[in-house]
Amino acid sequence: MSADFWASYASGAIGILIGNRLDVLKVRAQASGGSTINLGPLDYTTNLERFTALFRGAAAPILGYGALNSILFMTFNRSLTLMDPSIFDYTKLAGVDLGKIWVAGAVGGLATFVVSAPSELIKCRAQLVVDGQDSSYGVLKDIWKHRGFRGFYFGGTITAVRDAIGYGWYFWSYELSKRLLLSRQPDPFIPPTAADVLISGGIAGVVTWVSIYPLDVIKTRLQTQPAWQPERQGLLPGAHANSRHVRTSVDVAREVWRTCGFAGFYRGVGICSLRAFVVNAVQWYAYERIMAFYASSG
């Protein structure tokens, strides 16, 4: 397979391993405040429980996010090449219009829906121990038992919108940050230093999450409703079974506004920004270095 497939797959898995504990705290913060969700135990009695808690809900995103990252980067790279055939290296985009980079990022984000929606659903429900399920495998079995295949795309619409907008800003802000840092160099195509990549990746992660955080709050609360009910909205045909109890994205948004006001849409944004900076700094560094290794060995 292509270099960008393996580079993005490996960097995605590394990012999840590094940032999972902070992601657990982010999801807990988003689901708190006027919610009936059981947030699960915060105190652990043994060292083993403390250690395993660091990776609660990580199995689904580790397996899924590598694939998601591959879809994201490969779709981004191919889309951008279609818009600008002059590109000769996916890690060297100096001179490429930033508007095209945003559009290619949004297309890539939308393409990840097939992996993003189910992995986000499983991850969030495992992290919050919804309906007593505290592992990704337990959540997966519960979804299959009660909702079948369509159940894995519960909350799919808002997940797709979040990803399209977020990844547009993700690639846009990374490239802009890298260009600003490299502007002191006479050659815009000179390889960036480790510091340049780490800083640009971290900034891109923070910009992305701040831009879509209200959507992510709504998505988290929508997907972590305690009782399984059919979804009234979705991207898949037929995923709109009638139910009196299920909350839609609009219902969740109104509830957040009513109970917490504007601040409720940014609950947990601090811990999320910290996680985003660390995870995306490392992720972009791994991606750029693996791509450089393939370029030098090929």
C-alpha atoms as a PDB file:
ATOM      1  CA  MET A   1       0.000   0.000   0.000  1.00  0.00           C
ATOM      2  CA  SER A   2       1.030   3.657  -0.355  1.00  0.00           C
ATOM      3  CA  ALA A   3       3.324   5.459   2.043  1.00  0.00           C
ATOM      4  CA  ASP A   4       0.636   7.869   3.224  1.00  0.00           C
ATOM      5  CA  PHE A   5      -1.600   4.910   4.186  1.00  0.00           C
ATOM      6  CA  TRP A   6       0.933   3.417   6.590  1.00  0.00           C
ATOM      7  CA  ALA A   7       2.196   6.785   7.827  1.00  0.00           C
ATOM      8  CA  SER A   8      -1.300   7.967   8.705  1.00  0.00           C
ATOM      9  CA  TYR A   9      -2.367   4.603  10.148  1.00  0.00           C
ATOM     10  CA  ALA A  10       0.615   4.395  12.501  1.00  0.00           C
ATOM     11  CA  SER A  11       0.422   8.045  13.554  1.00  0.00           C
ATOM     12  CA  GLY A  12      -3.296   7.710  14.322  1.00  0.00           C
ATOM     13  CA  ALA A  13      -2.793   4.690  16.565  1.00  0.00           C
ATOM     14  CA  ILE A  14       0.080   6.402  18.396  1.00  0.00           C
ATOM     15  CA  GLY A  15      -2.040   9.490  18.983  1.00  0.00           C
ATOM     16  CA  ILE A  16      -4.861   7.481  20.561  1.00  0.00           C
ATOM     17  CA  LEU A  17      -2.512   5.653  22.924  1.00  0.00           C
ATOM     18  CA  ILE A  18      -1.004   8.926  24.114  1.00  0.00           C
ATOM     19  CA  GLY A  19      -4.221  10.881  24.518  1.00  0.00           C
ATOM     20  CA  ASN A  20      -6.782   8.310  25.657  1.00  0.00           C
ATOM     21  CA  ARG A  21      -6.794   9.191  29.368  1.00  0.00           C
ATOM     22  CA  LEU A  22      -7.305  12.878  28.629  1.00  0.00           C
ATOM     23  CA  ASP A  23     -10.059  11.892  26.201  1.00  0.00           C
ATOM     24  CA  VAL A  24     -11.844   9.990  28.989  1.00  0.00           C
ATOM     25  CA  LEU A  25     -11.787  13.150  31.124  1.00  0.00           C
ATOM     26  CA  LYS A  26     -13.044  15.211  28.175  1.00  0.00           C
ATOM     27  CA  VAL A  27     -15.998  12.892  27.542  1.00  0.00           C
ATOM     28  CA  ARG A  28     -16.873  12.841  31.265  1.00  0.00           C
ATOM     29  CA  ALA A  29     -16.892  16.642  31.344  1.00  0.00           C
ATOM     30  CA  GLN A  30     -19.084  16.851  28.246  1.00  0.00           C
ATOM     31  CA  ALA A  31     -21.641  14.390  29.609  1.00  0.00           C
ATOM     32  CA  SER A  32     -21.853  16.015  33.046  1.00  0.00           C
ATOM     33  CA  GLY A  33     -24.197  18.795  34.039  1.00  0.00           C
ATOM     34  CA  GLY A  34     -27.868  18.024  33.802  1.00  0.00           C
ATOM     35  CA  SER A  35     -27.236  14.543  32.467  1.00  0.00           C
ATOM     36  CA  THR A  36     -28.528  11.265  33.831  1.00  0.00           C
ATOM     37  CA  ILE A  37     -25.505   9.361  32.586  1.00  0.00           C
ATOM     38  CA  ASN A  38     -23.718   7.084  35.038  1.00  0.00           C
ATOM     39  CA  LEU A  39     -20.186   8.384  34.804  1.00  0.00           C
ATOM     40  CA  GLY A  40     -18.712   5.240  36.292  1.00  0.00           C
ATOM     41  CA  PRO A  41     -16.128   4.925  39.059  1.00  0.00           C
ATOM     42  CA  LEU A  42     -13.506   7.596  39.464  1.00  0.00           C
ATOM     43  CA  ASP A  43     -11.700   5.850  42.335  1.00  0.00           C
ATOM     44  CA  TYR A  44      -9.800   2.629  41.790  1.00  0.00           C
ATOM     45  CA  THR A  45      -8.792   0.195  44.504  1.00  0.00           C
ATOM     46  CA  THR A  46      -5.865  -1.570  42.839  1.00  0.00           C
ATOM     47  CA  ASN A  47      -2.923  -0.531  40.703  1.00  0.00           C
ATOM     48  CA  LEU A  48      -4.202  -2.793  37.927  1.00  0.00           C
ATOM     49  CA  GLU A  49      -7.553  -0.969  37.899  1.00  0.00           C
ATOM     50  CA  ARG A  50      -5.780   2.367  37.769  1.00  0.00           C
ATOM     51  CA  PHE A  51      -3.638   1.205  34.857  1.00  0.00           C
ATOM     52  CA  THR A  52      -6.457  -0.325  32.821  1.00  0.00           C
ATOM     53  CA  ALA A  53      -8.605   2.783  33.435  1.00  0.00           C
ATOM     54  CA  LEU A  54      -6.051   4.773  31.438  1.00  0.00           C
ATOM     55  CA  PHE A  55      -7.084   2.840  28.343  1.00  0.00           C
ATOM     56  CA  ARG A  56     -10.844   2.498  28.932  1.00  0.00           C
ATOM     57  CA  GLY A  57     -12.609   2.745  25.599  1.00  0.00           C
ATOM     58  CA  ALA A  58      -9.296   2.791  23.727  1.00  0.00           C
ATOM     59  CA  ALA A  59      -9.646  -0.500  21.860  1.00  0.00           C
ATOM     60  CA  ALA A  60     -12.238   0.771  19.379  1.00  0.00           C
ATOM     61  CA  PRO A  61     -10.409   4.016  18.520  1.00  0.00           C
ATOM     62  CA  ILE A  62      -6.992   2.304  18.338  1.00  0.00           C
ATOM     63  CA  LEU A  63      -8.326  -0.200  15.837  1.00  0.00           C
ATOM     64  CA  GLY A  64     -10.620   2.281  14.143  1.00  0.00           C
ATOM     65  CA  TYR A  65      -8.602   5.479  14.277  1.00  0.00           C
ATOM     66  CA  GLY A  66      -5.686   4.011  12.386  1.00  0.00           C
ATOM     67  CA  ALA A  67      -8.094   3.173   9.575  1.00  0.00           C
ATOM     68  CA  LEU A  68      -9.827   6.549   9.995  1.00  0.00           C
ATOM     69  CA  ASN A  69      -6.527   8.401   9.740  1.00  0.00           C
ATOM     70  CA  SER A  70      -5.620   6.459   6.614  1.00  0.00           C
ATOM     71  CA  ILE A  71      -8.943   7.308   4.972  1.00  0.00           C
ATOM     72  CA  LEU A  72      -8.570  10.934   6.077  1.00  0.00           C
ATOM     73  CA  PHE A  73      -5.044  11.538   4.804  1.00  0.00           C
ATOM     74  CA  MET A  74      -5.394   9.521   1.610  1.00  0.00           C
ATOM     75  CA  THR A  75      -8.657  11.269   0.708  1.00  0.00           C
ATOM     76  CA  PHE A  76      -7.150  14.652   1.590  1.00  0.00           C
ATOM     77  CA  ASN A  77      -4.039  14.008  -0.485  1.00  0.00           C
ATOM     78  CA  ARG A  78      -5.931  12.710  -3.516  1.00  0.00           C
ATOM     79  CA  SER A  79      -8.568  15.477  -3.358  1.00  0.00           C
ATOM     80  CA  LEU A  80      -5.923  18.172  -3.108  1.00  0.00           C
ATOM     81  CA  THR A  81      -3.995  16.684  -6.027  1.00  0.00           C
ATOM     82  CA  LEU A  82      -7.138  16.802  -8.162  1.00  0.00           C
ATOM     83  CA  MET A  83      -7.518  20.500  -7.358  1.00  0.00           C
ATOM     84  CA  ASP A  84      -3.807  21.255  -7.762  1.00  0.00           C
ATOM     85  CA  PRO A  85      -1.939  18.755 -10.009  1.00  0.00           C
ATOM     86  CA  SER A  86       1.369  20.588  -9.411  1.00  0.00           C
ATOM     87  CA  ILE A  87       1.779  18.917  -5.993  1.00  0.00           C
ATOM     88  CA  PHE A  88       4.814  16.626  -5.972  1.00  0.00           C
ATOM     89  CA  ASP A  89       5.086  15.848  -2.256  1.00  0.00           C
ATOM     90  CA  TYR A  90       2.128  15.621   0.160  1.00  0.00           C
ATOM     91  CA  THR A  91       4.247  17.005   3.009  1.00  0.00           C
ATOM     92  CA  LYS A  92       5.401  20.037   0.994  1.00  0.00           C
ATOM     93  CA  LEU A  93       2.411  22.208   0.164  1.00  0.00           C
ATOM     94  CA  ALA A  94       4.011  25.656   0.074  1.00  0.00           C
ATOM     95  CA  GLY A  95       2.253  27.711  -2.585  1.00  0.00           C
ATOM     96  CA  VAL A  96      -0.924  25.630  -2.568  1.00  0.00           C
ATOM     97  CA  ASP A  97      -4.006  27.786  -1.959  1.00  0.00           C
ATOM     98  CA  LEU A  98      -5.174  27.475   1.658  1.00  0.00           C
ATOM     99  CA  GLY A  99      -8.805  27.466   0.543  1.00  0.00           C
ATOM    100  CA  LYS A 100      -8.142  24.306  -1.482  1.00  0.00           C
ATOM    101  CA  ILE A 101      -6.461  22.766   1.552  1.00  0.00           C
ATOM    102  CA  TRP A 102      -9.560  23.472   3.680  1.00  0.00           C
ATOM    103  CA  VAL A 103     -11.883  21.933   1.087  1.00  0.00           C
ATOM    104  CA  ALA A 104      -9.690  18.852   0.707  1.00  0.00           C
ATOM    105  CA  GLY A 105      -9.615  18.493   4.495  1.00  0.00           C
ATOM    106  CA  ALA A 106     -13.409  18.733   4.687  1.00  0.00           C
ATOM    107  CA  VAL A 107     -13.772  16.078   1.972  1.00  0.00           C
ATOM    108  CA  GLY A 108     -11.357  13.850   3.855  1.00  0.00           C
ATOM    109  CA  GLY A 109     -13.252  14.393   7.099  1.00  0.00           C
ATOM    110  CA  LEU A 110     -16.551  13.503   5.485  1.00  0.00           C
ATOM    111  CA  ALA A 111     -15.032  10.335   4.025  1.00  0.00           C
ATOM    112  CA  THR A 112     -14.086   9.115   7.518  1.00  0.00           C
ATOM    113  CA  PHE A 113     -17.765   8.798   8.487  1.00  0.00           C
ATOM    114  CA  VAL A 114     -17.840   5.078   7.789  1.00  0.00           C
ATOM    115  CA  VAL A 115     -15.241   4.496  10.541  1.00  0.00           C
ATOM    116  CA  SER A 116     -15.663   7.567  12.731  1.00  0.00           C
ATOM    117  CA  ALA A 117     -19.343   7.156  13.618  1.00  0.00           C
ATOM    118  CA  PRO A 118     -19.171   3.602  15.047  1.00  0.00           C
ATOM    119  CA  SER A 119     -15.787   4.042  16.742  1.00  0.00           C
ATOM    120  CA  GLU A 120     -16.906   7.288  18.442  1.00  0.00           C
ATOM    121  CA  LEU A 121     -20.128   5.644  19.590  1.00  0.00           C
ATOM    122  CA  ILE A 122     -18.362   2.613  21.073  1.00  0.00           C
ATOM    123  CA  LYS A 123     -15.613   4.717  22.648  1.00  0.00           C
ATOM    124  CA  CYS A 124     -17.935   7.175  24.381  1.00  0.00           C
ATOM    125  CA  ARG A 125     -20.288   4.529  25.741  1.00  0.00           C
ATOM    126  CA  ALA A 126     -17.370   2.455  27.058  1.00  0.00           C
ATOM    127  CA  GLN A 127     -15.699   5.471  28.669  1.00  0.00           C
ATOM    128  CA  LEU A 128     -18.889   6.440  30.523  1.00  0.00           C
ATOM    129  CA  VAL A 129     -19.879   2.840  31.360  1.00  0.00           C
ATOM    130  CA  VAL A 130     -23.303   3.406  29.787  1.00  0.00           C
ATOM    131  CA  ASP A 131     -25.790   0.604  30.527  1.00  0.00           C
ATOM    132  CA  GLY A 132     -23.103  -1.147  32.595  1.00  0.00           C
ATOM    133  CA  GLN A 133     -20.758  -1.758  29.652  1.00  0.00           C
ATOM    134  CA  ASP A 134     -17.185  -0.759  30.538  1.00  0.00           C
ATOM    135  CA  SER A 135     -15.269  -2.228  27.583  1.00  0.00           C
ATOM    136  CA  SER A 136     -15.323  -1.630  23.858  1.00  0.00           C
ATOM    137  CA  TYR A 137     -16.171  -5.283  23.221  1.00  0.00           C
ATOM    138  CA  GLY A 138     -19.040  -5.179  25.714  1.00  0.00           C
ATOM    139  CA  VAL A 139     -20.477  -2.069  24.065  1.00  0.00           C
ATOM    140  CA  LEU A 140     -20.085  -3.602  20.622  1.00  0.00           C
ATOM    141  CA  LYS A 141     -22.038  -6.719  21.645  1.00  0.00           C
ATOM    142  CA  ASP A 142     -24.731  -4.594  23.296  1.00  0.00           C
ATOM    143  CA  ILE A 143     -25.191  -2.477  20.174  1.00  0.00           C
ATOM    144  CA  TRP A 144     -25.381  -5.518  17.912  1.00  0.00           C
ATOM    145  CA  LYS A 145     -27.844  -7.255  20.209  1.00  0.00           C
ATOM    146  CA  HIS A 146     -30.294  -4.362  20.546  1.00  0.00           C
ATOM    147  CA  ARG A 147     -29.884  -2.349  17.341  1.00  0.00           C
ATOM    148  CA  GLY A 148     -28.063  -4.497  14.801  1.00  0.00           C
ATOM    149  CA  PHE A 149     -25.776  -3.004  12.156  1.00  0.00           C
ATOM    150  CA  ARG A 150     -27.636   0.322  11.913  1.00  0.00           C
ATOM    151  CA  GLY A 151     -27.096   0.870  15.610  1.00  0.00           C
ATOM    152  CA  PHE A 152     -23.399   1.475  15.021  1.00  0.00           C
ATOM    153  CA  TYR A 153     -24.318   4.686  13.172  1.00  0.00           C
ATOM    154  CA  PHE A 154     -26.359   6.206  15.978  1.00  0.00           C
ATOM    155  CA  GLY A 155     -25.461   9.918  15.932  1.00  0.00           C
ATOM    156  CA  GLY A 156     -23.919   9.546  12.483  1.00  0.00           C
ATOM    157  CA  THR A 157     -25.233  12.802  11.040  1.00  0.00           C
ATOM    158  CA  ILE A 158     -23.713  15.111  13.609  1.00  0.00           C
ATOM    159  CA  THR A 159     -20.494  13.073  13.631  1.00  0.00           C
ATOM    160  CA  ALA A 160     -20.151  13.537   9.872  1.00  0.00           C
ATOM    161  CA  VAL A 161     -20.811  17.290  10.077  1.00  0.00           C
ATOM    162  CA  ARG A 162     -18.344  17.639  12.953  1.00  0.00           C
ATOM    163  CA  ASP A 163     -15.622  15.772  11.083  1.00  0.00           C
ATOM    164  CA  ALA A 164     -16.068  17.630   7.798  1.00  0.00           C
ATOM    165  CA  ILE A 165     -15.825  21.063   9.454  1.00  0.00           C
ATOM    166  CA  GLY A 166     -13.145  20.057  11.931  1.00  0.00           C
ATOM    167  CA  TYR A 167     -10.759  18.427   9.474  1.00  0.00           C
ATOM    168  CA  GLY A 168     -11.111  21.342   7.095  1.00  0.00           C
ATOM    169  CA  TRP A 169      -9.660  23.586   9.795  1.00  0.00           C
ATOM    170  CA  TYR A 170      -7.238  20.838  10.846  1.00  0.00           C
ATOM    171  CA  PHE A 171      -5.243  20.756   7.607  1.00  0.00           C
ATOM    172  CA  TRP A 172      -5.701  24.483   7.006  1.00  0.00           C
ATOM    173  CA  SER A 173      -4.286  25.509  10.405  1.00  0.00           C
ATOM    174  CA  TYR A 174      -1.440  22.978  10.249  1.00  0.00           C
ATOM    175  CA  GLU A 175      -0.262  24.212   6.877  1.00  0.00           C
ATOM    176  CA  LEU A 176      -0.644  27.876   7.844  1.00  0.00           C
ATOM    177  CA  SER A 177       1.289  27.376  11.082  1.00  0.00           C
ATOM    178  CA  LYS A 178       4.064  25.492   9.314  1.00  0.00           C
ATOM    179  CA  ARG A 179       4.345  28.193   6.647  1.00  0.00           C
ATOM    180  CA  LEU A 180       4.630  30.916   9.271  1.00  0.00           C
ATOM    181  CA  LEU A 181       7.344  29.003  11.114  1.00  0.00           C
ATOM    182  CA  LEU A 182       9.250  28.301   7.878  1.00  0.00           C
ATOM    183  CA  SER A 183       8.878  31.851   6.578  1.00  0.00           C
ATOM    184  CA  ARG A 184      12.269  32.711   8.094  1.00  0.00           C
ATOM    185  CA  GLN A 185      13.876  30.243   5.667  1.00  0.00           C
ATOM    186  CA  PRO A 186      14.825  31.272   2.099  1.00  0.00           C
ATOM    187  CA  ASP A 187      13.503  27.991   0.658  1.00  0.00           C
ATOM    188  CA  PRO A 188       9.801  27.326   1.454  1.00  0.00           C
ATOM    189  CA  PHE A 189      10.271  23.626   0.627  1.00  0.00           C
ATOM    190  CA  ILE A 190      13.048  23.050   3.155  1.00  0.00           C
ATOM    191  CA  PRO A 191      12.196  20.164   5.512  1.00  0.00           C
ATOM    192  CA  PRO A 192      10.720  21.499   8.776  1.00  0.00           C
ATOM    193  CA  THR A 193      12.504  20.862  12.040  1.00  0.00           C
ATOM    194  CA  ALA A 194      11.034  18.603  14.712  1.00  0.00           C
ATOM    195  CA  ALA A 195      10.013  21.708  16.668  1.00  0.00           C
ATOM    196  CA  ASP A 196       8.262  23.179  13.613  1.00  0.00           C
ATOM    197  CA  VAL A 197       6.202  20.025  13.121  1.00  0.00           C
ATOM    198  CA  LEU A 198       5.382  19.573  16.812  1.00  0.00           C
ATOM    199  CA  ILE A 199       4.278  23.182  17.257  1.00  0.00           C
ATOM    200  CA  SER A 200       2.267  23.258  14.025  1.00  0.00           C
ATOM    201  CA  GLY A 201       0.599  19.937  14.819  1.00  0.00           C
ATOM    202  CA  GLY A 202      -0.285  21.057  18.324  1.00  0.00           C
ATOM    203  CA  ILE A 203      -1.757  24.340  17.104  1.00  0.00           C
ATOM    204  CA  ALA A 204      -3.769  22.508  14.434  1.00  0.00           C
ATOM    205  CA  GLY A 205      -5.241  20.196  17.045  1.00  0.00           C
ATOM    206  CA  VAL A 206      -6.334  23.050  19.303  1.00  0.00           C
ATOM    207  CA  VAL A 207      -7.802  25.124  16.444  1.00  0.00           C
ATOM    208  CA  THR A 208      -9.740  22.113  15.199  1.00  0.00           C
ATOM    209  CA  TRP A 209     -11.324  21.221  18.524  1.00  0.00           C
ATOM    210  CA  VAL A 210     -12.201  24.770  19.488  1.00  0.00           C
ATOM    211  CA  SER A 211     -13.951  25.210  16.123  1.00  0.00           C
ATOM    212  CA  ILE A 212     -16.184  22.138  16.520  1.00  0.00           C
ATOM    213  CA  TYR A 213     -16.406  21.694  20.286  1.00  0.00           C
ATOM    214  CA  PRO A 214     -20.132  22.529  20.631  1.00  0.00           C
ATOM    215  CA  LEU A 215     -20.910  19.909  17.977  1.00  0.00           C
ATOM    216  CA  ASP A 216     -18.793  17.384  19.849  1.00  0.00           C
ATOM    217  CA  VAL A 217     -20.602  18.089  23.118  1.00  0.00           C
ATOM    218  CA  ILE A 218     -23.943  17.469  21.429  1.00  0.00           C
ATOM    219  CA  LYS A 219     -22.601  14.311  19.751  1.00  0.00           C
ATOM    220  CA  THR A 220     -21.292  12.923  23.041  1.00  0.00           C
ATOM    221  CA  ARG A 221     -24.587  13.463  24.876  1.00  0.00           C
ATOM    222  CA  LEU A 222     -26.583  12.113  21.960  1.00  0.00           C
ATOM    223  CA  GLN A 223     -24.522   8.926  21.732  1.00  0.00           C
ATOM    224  CA  THR A 224     -24.413   8.252  25.464  1.00  0.00           C
ATOM    225  CA  GLN A 225     -28.134   8.134  26.187  1.00  0.00           C
ATOM    226  CA  PRO A 226     -28.613   5.419  28.830  1.00  0.00           C
ATOM    227  CA  ALA A 227     -31.261   3.289  27.085  1.00  0.00           C
ATOM    228  CA  TRP A 228     -30.927   2.061  23.540  1.00  0.00           C
ATOM    229  CA  GLN A 229     -33.554   3.559  21.308  1.00  0.00           C
ATOM    230  CA  PRO A 230     -33.782   3.770  17.501  1.00  0.00           C
ATOM    231  CA  GLU A 231     -32.310   6.949  16.057  1.00  0.00           C
ATOM    232  CA  ARG A 232     -34.625   9.384  14.306  1.00  0.00           C
ATOM    233  CA  GLN A 233     -31.840  10.817  12.205  1.00  0.00           C
ATOM    234  CA  GLY A 234     -28.905   9.324  10.354  1.00  0.00           C
ATOM    235  CA  LEU A 235     -27.041   9.125   7.101  1.00  0.00           C
ATOM    236  CA  LEU A 236     -27.950   5.519   6.368  1.00  0.00           C
ATOM    237  CA  PRO A 237     -31.226   4.778   4.544  1.00  0.00           C
ATOM    238  CA  GLY A 238     -33.938   3.615   6.887  1.00  0.00           C
ATOM    239  CA  ALA A 239     -32.145   4.790  10.033  1.00  0.00           C
ATOM    240  CA  HIS A 240     -35.099   6.831  11.278  1.00  0.00           C
ATOM    241  CA  ALA A 241     -37.275   4.487  13.313  1.00  0.00           C
ATOM    242  CA  ASN A 242     -40.005   6.188  15.302  1.00  0.00           C
ATOM    243  CA  SER A 243     -39.509   6.551  19.048  1.00  0.00           C
ATOM    244  CA  ARG A 244     -40.998   8.681  21.785  1.00  0.00           C
ATOM    245  CA  HIS A 245     -37.938   8.563  24.017  1.00  0.00           C
ATOM    246  CA  VAL A 246     -34.873   9.117  21.862  1.00  0.00           C
ATOM    247  CA  ARG A 247     -33.374  12.604  21.902  1.00  0.00           C
ATOM    248  CA  THR A 248     -32.267  14.174  18.629  1.00  0.00           C
ATOM    249  CA  SER A 249     -29.327  16.537  18.174  1.00  0.00           C
ATOM    250  CA  VAL A 250     -31.719  19.500  18.417  1.00  0.00           C
ATOM    251  CA  ASP A 251     -33.198  18.117  21.654  1.00  0.00           C
ATOM    252  CA  VAL A 252     -29.723  17.744  23.141  1.00  0.00           C
ATOM    253  CA  ALA A 253     -28.692  21.262  22.079  1.00  0.00           C
ATOM    254  CA  ARG A 254     -31.797  22.728  23.699  1.00  0.00           C
ATOM    255  CA  GLU A 255     -31.158  20.771  26.879  1.00  0.00           C
ATOM    256  CA  VAL A 256     -27.558  22.008  27.103  1.00  0.00           C
ATOM    257  CA  TRP A 257     -28.685  25.605  26.547  1.00  0.00           C
ATOM    258  CA  ARG A 258     -31.492  25.323  29.089  1.00  0.00           C
ATOM    259  CA  THR A 259     -29.419  23.688  31.840  1.00  0.00           C
ATOM    260  CA  CYS A 260     -25.953  25.200  31.309  1.00  0.00           C
ATOM    261  CA  GLY A 261     -26.271  28.115  28.919  1.00  0.00           C
ATOM    262  CA  PHE A 262     -23.553  29.014  26.420  1.00  0.00           C
ATOM    263  CA  ALA A 263     -20.819  27.701  28.735  1.00  0.00           C
ATOM    264  CA  GLY A 264     -22.323  24.237  28.532  1.00  0.00           C
ATOM    265  CA  PHE A 265     -21.247  23.928  24.911  1.00  0.00           C
ATOM    266  CA  TYR A 266     -17.626  24.390  25.969  1.00  0.00           C
ATOM    267  CA  ARG A 267     -17.604  22.228  29.096  1.00  0.00           C
ATOM    268  CA  GLY A 268     -14.278  20.377  29.144  1.00  0.00           C
ATOM    269  CA  VAL A 269     -12.688  22.445  26.371  1.00  0.00           C
ATOM    270  CA  GLY A 270      -9.585  23.061  28.497  1.00  0.00           C
ATOM    271  CA  ILE A 271      -8.679  19.403  28.961  1.00  0.00           C
ATOM    272  CA  CYS A 272      -9.648  18.787  25.341  1.00  0.00           C
ATOM    273  CA  SER A 273      -7.274  21.511  24.119  1.00  0.00           C
ATOM    274  CA  LEU A 274      -4.428  20.087  26.203  1.00  0.00           C
ATOM    275  CA  ARG A 275      -5.052  16.636  24.781  1.00  0.00           C
ATOM    276  CA  ALA A 276      -5.407  18.024  21.253  1.00  0.00           C
ATOM    277  CA  PHE A 277      -2.061  19.826  21.408  1.00  0.00           C
ATOM    278  CA  VAL A 278      -0.126  16.816  22.711  1.00  0.00           C
ATOM    279  CA  VAL A 279      -1.808  14.171  20.545  1.00  0.00           C
ATOM    280  CA  ASN A 280      -1.684  16.101  17.284  1.00  0.00           C
ATOM    281  CA  ALA A 281       1.855  17.322  17.822  1.00  0.00           C
ATOM    282  CA  VAL A 282       3.018  13.715  18.150  1.00  0.00           C
ATOM    283  CA  GLN A 283       0.712  12.499  15.406  1.00  0.00           C
ATOM    284  CA  TRP A 284       1.935  14.992  12.818  1.00  0.00           C
ATOM    285  CA  TYR A 285       5.542  14.374  13.820  1.00  0.00           C
ATOM    286  CA  ALA A 286       5.102  10.619  13.328  1.00  0.00           C
ATOM    287  CA  TYR A 287       3.343  11.151   9.994  1.00  0.00           C
ATOM    288  CA  GLU A 288       6.003  13.510   8.604  1.00  0.00           C
ATOM    289  CA  ARG A 289       8.879  11.302   9.754  1.00  0.00           C
ATOM    290  CA  ILE A 290       7.384   8.102   8.357  1.00  0.00           C
ATOM    291  CA  MET A 291       6.663   9.838   5.041  1.00  0.00           C
ATOM    292  CA  ALA A 292      10.265  11.124   4.949  1.00  0.00           C
ATOM    293  CA  PHE A 293      11.538   7.602   5.648  1.00  0.00           C
ATOM    294  CA  TYR A 294       9.532   6.184   2.736  1.00  0.00           C
ATOM    295  CA  ALA A 295      10.755   8.991   0.467  1.00  0.00           C
ATOM    296  CA  SER A 296      14.405   8.365   1.354  1.00  0.00           C
ATOM    297  CA  SER A 297      14.171   4.585   1.033  1.00  0.00           C
ATOM    298  CA  GLY A 298      12.167   4.611  -2.177  1.00  0.00           C
END
